[in-house]
Amino acid sequence: LGIALGTSPTTDGMLIRGLVRVDTTNVQGTPAVGASVYVSESHTAQFDFTAPSGTNDFIRRLGHCLATSGGDILLLFNPALEHNLID
């Protein structure tokens, strides 16, 4: 998994681990400092504060919210570490 660092991943690069500000337009659920952030089950390319809970759903935790500002979040993105954690 990676997060595009600009409009052109081939030019701007991809974040594979680190801190990233996620715009409020890409956030589902209610942002909360310290909360886990997941791949959205129902919205493509969105970050969600609610883990999928349906039968046979795949849960992919992306990291944790470190701060919020006007709906934007500061995400500690580390999917390599997060995939083995269980809430």
N, C-alpha and C. Protein backbone atom coordinates (compact mmCIF):
# COMPACT_ATOMS: atom_id res chain seq x y z
N LEU A 1 0.84 -1.19 0.00
CA LEU A 1 0.00 0.00 0.00
C LEU A 1 0.87 1.24 0.00
N GLY A 2 0.37 2.28 -0.61
CA GLY A 2 1.07 3.55 -0.63
C GLY A 2 0.09 4.69 -0.84
N ILE A 3 0.52 5.89 -0.49
CA ILE A 3 -0.30 7.09 -0.68
C ILE A 3 0.43 8.00 -1.65
N ALA A 4 -0.25 8.41 -2.71
CA ALA A 4 0.34 9.31 -3.68
C ALA A 4 0.68 10.64 -3.01
N LEU A 5 1.86 11.15 -3.28
CA LEU A 5 2.31 12.41 -2.68
C LEU A 5 1.99 13.64 -3.53
N GLY A 6 1.32 13.43 -4.62
CA GLY A 6 0.93 14.53 -5.50
C GLY A 6 -0.04 14.01 -6.53
N THR A 7 -0.23 14.76 -7.58
CA THR A 7 -1.18 14.36 -8.61
C THR A 7 -0.62 13.30 -9.56
N SER A 8 0.70 13.13 -9.58
CA SER A 8 1.34 12.15 -10.44
C SER A 8 2.28 11.28 -9.61
N PRO A 9 1.86 10.08 -9.21
CA PRO A 9 2.72 9.23 -8.40
C PRO A 9 4.08 8.94 -9.04
N THR A 10 4.13 8.86 -10.36
CA THR A 10 5.41 8.58 -11.01
C THR A 10 6.38 9.76 -10.90
N THR A 11 5.86 10.96 -10.81
CA THR A 11 6.69 12.16 -10.67
C THR A 11 6.86 12.55 -9.21
N ASP A 12 5.77 12.56 -8.45
CA ASP A 12 5.77 13.05 -7.07
C ASP A 12 6.14 11.99 -6.05
N GLY A 13 5.98 10.72 -6.40
CA GLY A 13 6.32 9.63 -5.50
C GLY A 13 5.16 9.11 -4.69
N MET A 14 5.46 8.07 -3.93
CA MET A 14 4.47 7.40 -3.08
C MET A 14 5.02 7.30 -1.66
N LEU A 15 4.15 7.53 -0.69
CA LEU A 15 4.52 7.36 0.71
C LEU A 15 4.22 5.92 1.09
N ILE A 16 5.22 5.19 1.57
CA ILE A 16 4.98 3.81 2.00
C ILE A 16 4.99 3.67 3.52
N ARG A 17 5.47 4.74 4.20
CA ARG A 17 5.44 4.77 5.66
C ARG A 17 5.77 6.19 6.09
N GLY A 18 5.05 6.71 7.08
CA GLY A 18 5.35 8.04 7.58
C GLY A 18 4.10 8.83 7.92
N LEU A 19 4.27 10.14 8.02
CA LEU A 19 3.17 11.04 8.37
C LEU A 19 2.59 11.67 7.11
N VAL A 20 1.26 11.75 7.08
CA VAL A 20 0.58 12.36 5.95
C VAL A 20 -0.68 13.06 6.45
N ARG A 21 -0.96 14.25 5.85
CA ARG A 21 -2.21 14.95 6.14
C ARG A 21 -3.24 14.47 5.14
N VAL A 22 -4.36 14.01 5.66
CA VAL A 22 -5.45 13.52 4.82
C VAL A 22 -6.56 14.56 4.86
N ASP A 23 -6.92 15.07 3.69
CA ASP A 23 -7.96 16.09 3.57
C ASP A 23 -9.32 15.54 4.01
N THR A 24 -10.12 16.39 4.62
CA THR A 24 -11.44 16.00 5.12
C THR A 24 -12.32 15.35 4.06
N THR A 25 -12.12 15.71 2.78
CA THR A 25 -12.94 15.11 1.71
C THR A 25 -12.63 13.63 1.51
N ASN A 26 -11.52 13.14 2.06
CA ASN A 26 -11.15 11.73 1.93
C ASN A 26 -11.30 10.95 3.22
N VAL A 27 -11.99 11.55 4.21
CA VAL A 27 -12.14 10.92 5.52
C VAL A 27 -13.60 10.55 5.74
N GLN A 28 -13.83 9.30 6.10
CA GLN A 28 -15.16 8.82 6.45
C GLN A 28 -15.20 8.61 7.96
N GLY A 29 -16.34 8.86 8.56
CA GLY A 29 -16.48 8.68 10.00
C GLY A 29 -16.03 9.92 10.75
N THR A 30 -16.01 9.82 12.07
CA THR A 30 -15.65 10.95 12.92
C THR A 30 -14.19 10.85 13.33
N PRO A 31 -13.36 11.81 12.91
CA PRO A 31 -11.95 11.79 13.28
C PRO A 31 -11.76 11.85 14.79
N ALA A 32 -10.84 11.05 15.29
CA ALA A 32 -10.53 11.03 16.72
C ALA A 32 -9.05 10.74 16.92
N VAL A 33 -8.39 11.59 17.67
CA VAL A 33 -6.97 11.40 17.95
C VAL A 33 -6.76 10.08 18.67
N GLY A 34 -5.80 9.30 18.20
CA GLY A 34 -5.49 8.00 18.79
C GLY A 34 -6.25 6.84 18.18
N ALA A 35 -7.26 7.14 17.38
CA ALA A 35 -8.09 6.08 16.79
C ALA A 35 -7.40 5.43 15.59
N SER A 36 -7.73 4.16 15.38
CA SER A 36 -7.26 3.45 14.20
C SER A 36 -7.95 4.00 12.96
N VAL A 37 -7.24 3.95 11.84
CA VAL A 37 -7.78 4.39 10.56
C VAL A 37 -7.69 3.21 9.60
N TYR A 38 -8.79 2.96 8.89
CA TYR A 38 -8.91 1.79 8.03
C TYR A 38 -9.16 2.18 6.59
N VAL A 39 -8.93 1.23 5.67
CA VAL A 39 -9.38 1.39 4.29
C VAL A 39 -10.90 1.36 4.33
N SER A 40 -11.53 2.30 3.65
CA SER A 40 -12.99 2.35 3.65
C SER A 40 -13.58 1.17 2.89
N GLU A 41 -14.59 0.60 3.47
CA GLU A 41 -15.28 -0.54 2.86
C GLU A 41 -16.18 -0.10 1.71
N SER A 42 -16.76 1.09 1.82
CA SER A 42 -17.78 1.50 0.86
C SER A 42 -17.42 2.71 0.01
N HIS A 43 -16.28 3.34 0.26
CA HIS A 43 -15.89 4.53 -0.50
C HIS A 43 -14.47 4.34 -1.05
N THR A 44 -14.34 4.30 -2.36
CA THR A 44 -13.05 4.10 -3.01
C THR A 44 -12.07 5.21 -2.64
N ALA A 45 -10.84 4.81 -2.31
CA ALA A 45 -9.74 5.73 -2.00
C ALA A 45 -10.04 6.63 -0.80
N GLN A 46 -10.78 6.11 0.17
CA GLN A 46 -11.13 6.87 1.35
C GLN A 46 -10.55 6.21 2.60
N PHE A 47 -10.35 7.04 3.63
CA PHE A 47 -9.85 6.59 4.93
C PHE A 47 -11.03 6.61 5.89
N ASP A 48 -11.19 5.55 6.67
CA ASP A 48 -12.39 5.40 7.49
C ASP A 48 -12.02 5.14 8.95
N PHE A 49 -12.79 5.73 9.86
CA PHE A 49 -12.58 5.50 11.28
C PHE A 49 -13.42 4.33 11.81
N THR A 50 -14.16 3.69 10.91
CA THR A 50 -14.96 2.52 11.29
C THR A 50 -14.45 1.31 10.52
N ALA A 51 -14.09 0.27 11.23
CA ALA A 51 -13.62 -0.96 10.58
C ALA A 51 -14.79 -1.68 9.92
N PRO A 52 -14.56 -2.29 8.76
CA PRO A 52 -15.60 -3.12 8.15
C PRO A 52 -16.03 -4.21 9.14
N SER A 53 -17.31 -4.54 9.13
CA SER A 53 -17.81 -5.50 10.12
C SER A 53 -18.72 -6.57 9.54
N GLY A 54 -18.88 -6.59 8.24
CA GLY A 54 -19.75 -7.57 7.62
C GLY A 54 -19.09 -8.93 7.48
N THR A 55 -19.89 -9.94 7.21
CA THR A 55 -19.40 -11.28 6.99
C THR A 55 -18.42 -11.28 5.82
N ASN A 56 -17.27 -11.91 6.02
CA ASN A 56 -16.21 -12.03 5.01
C ASN A 56 -15.58 -10.70 4.60
N ASP A 57 -15.79 -9.64 5.38
CA ASP A 57 -15.12 -8.37 5.09
C ASP A 57 -13.65 -8.48 5.42
N PHE A 58 -12.83 -7.81 4.64
CA PHE A 58 -11.41 -7.74 4.88
C PHE A 58 -11.12 -6.44 5.62
N ILE A 59 -10.45 -6.51 6.75
CA ILE A 59 -10.14 -5.32 7.54
C ILE A 59 -8.68 -4.97 7.33
N ARG A 60 -8.43 -3.75 6.83
CA ARG A 60 -7.06 -3.31 6.59
C ARG A 60 -6.83 -2.01 7.35
N ARG A 61 -6.12 -2.10 8.46
CA ARG A 61 -5.79 -0.91 9.24
C ARG A 61 -4.58 -0.24 8.59
N LEU A 62 -4.67 1.07 8.41
CA LEU A 62 -3.61 1.82 7.75
C LEU A 62 -2.67 2.50 8.73
N GLY A 63 -3.16 2.80 9.90
CA GLY A 63 -2.36 3.51 10.90
C GLY A 63 -3.24 4.12 11.96
N HIS A 64 -2.74 5.21 12.55
CA HIS A 64 -3.47 5.87 13.64
C HIS A 64 -3.51 7.37 13.41
N CYS A 65 -4.60 7.98 13.86
CA CYS A 65 -4.77 9.41 13.77
C CYS A 65 -3.97 10.08 14.90
N LEU A 66 -3.08 10.99 14.53
CA LEU A 66 -2.27 11.70 15.52
C LEU A 66 -2.84 13.07 15.87
N ALA A 67 -3.59 13.68 14.95
CA ALA A 67 -4.15 15.00 15.19
C ALA A 67 -5.29 15.25 14.20
N THR A 68 -6.15 16.19 14.54
CA THR A 68 -7.23 16.61 13.65
C THR A 68 -7.23 18.13 13.56
N SER A 69 -7.69 18.63 12.43
CA SER A 69 -7.79 20.07 12.23
C SER A 69 -8.85 20.34 11.17
N GLY A 70 -10.00 20.82 11.59
CA GLY A 70 -11.06 21.15 10.65
C GLY A 70 -11.54 19.98 9.82
N GLY A 71 -11.47 18.77 10.34
CA GLY A 71 -11.88 17.58 9.60
C GLY A 71 -10.73 16.85 8.93
N ASP A 72 -9.62 17.57 8.68
CA ASP A 72 -8.40 16.92 8.17
C ASP A 72 -7.79 16.10 9.29
N ILE A 73 -7.02 15.08 8.93
CA ILE A 73 -6.34 14.30 9.96
C ILE A 73 -4.85 14.20 9.63
N LEU A 74 -4.05 14.06 10.67
CA LEU A 74 -2.64 13.73 10.52
C LEU A 74 -2.55 12.25 10.82
N LEU A 75 -2.16 11.48 9.82
CA LEU A 75 -2.15 10.02 9.91
C LEU A 75 -0.72 9.51 10.02
N LEU A 76 -0.48 8.68 11.01
CA LEU A 76 0.76 7.92 11.07
C LEU A 76 0.51 6.68 10.23
N PHE A 77 1.00 6.70 9.00
CA PHE A 77 0.73 5.66 8.00
C PHE A 77 1.82 4.61 8.07
N ASN A 78 1.44 3.39 8.44
CA ASN A 78 2.40 2.29 8.52
C ASN A 78 1.66 0.97 8.31
N PRO A 79 1.21 0.70 7.08
CA PRO A 79 0.40 -0.50 6.84
C PRO A 79 1.16 -1.80 7.06
N ALA A 80 2.48 -1.81 6.93
CA ALA A 80 3.25 -3.04 7.14
C ALA A 80 3.16 -3.48 8.59
N LEU A 81 3.16 -2.55 9.52
CA LEU A 81 3.04 -2.86 10.94
C LEU A 81 1.60 -3.15 11.33
N GLU A 82 0.69 -2.38 10.78
CA GLU A 82 -0.70 -2.41 11.22
C GLU A 82 -1.47 -3.66 10.83
N HIS A 83 -1.07 -4.37 9.79
CA HIS A 83 -1.91 -5.47 9.32
C HIS A 83 -1.97 -6.64 10.30
N ASN A 84 -1.06 -6.73 11.23
CA ASN A 84 -1.08 -7.83 12.19
C ASN A 84 -1.77 -7.49 13.51
N LEU A 85 -2.22 -6.26 13.65
CA LEU A 85 -2.85 -5.83 14.90
C LEU A 85 -4.32 -6.13 14.88
N ILE A 86 -4.86 -6.42 16.03
CA ILE A 86 -6.28 -6.70 16.17
C ILE A 86 -6.84 -5.76 17.24
N ASP A 87 -7.96 -5.11 16.95
CA ASP A 87 -8.59 -4.23 17.94
C ASP A 87 -9.13 -5.07 19.08
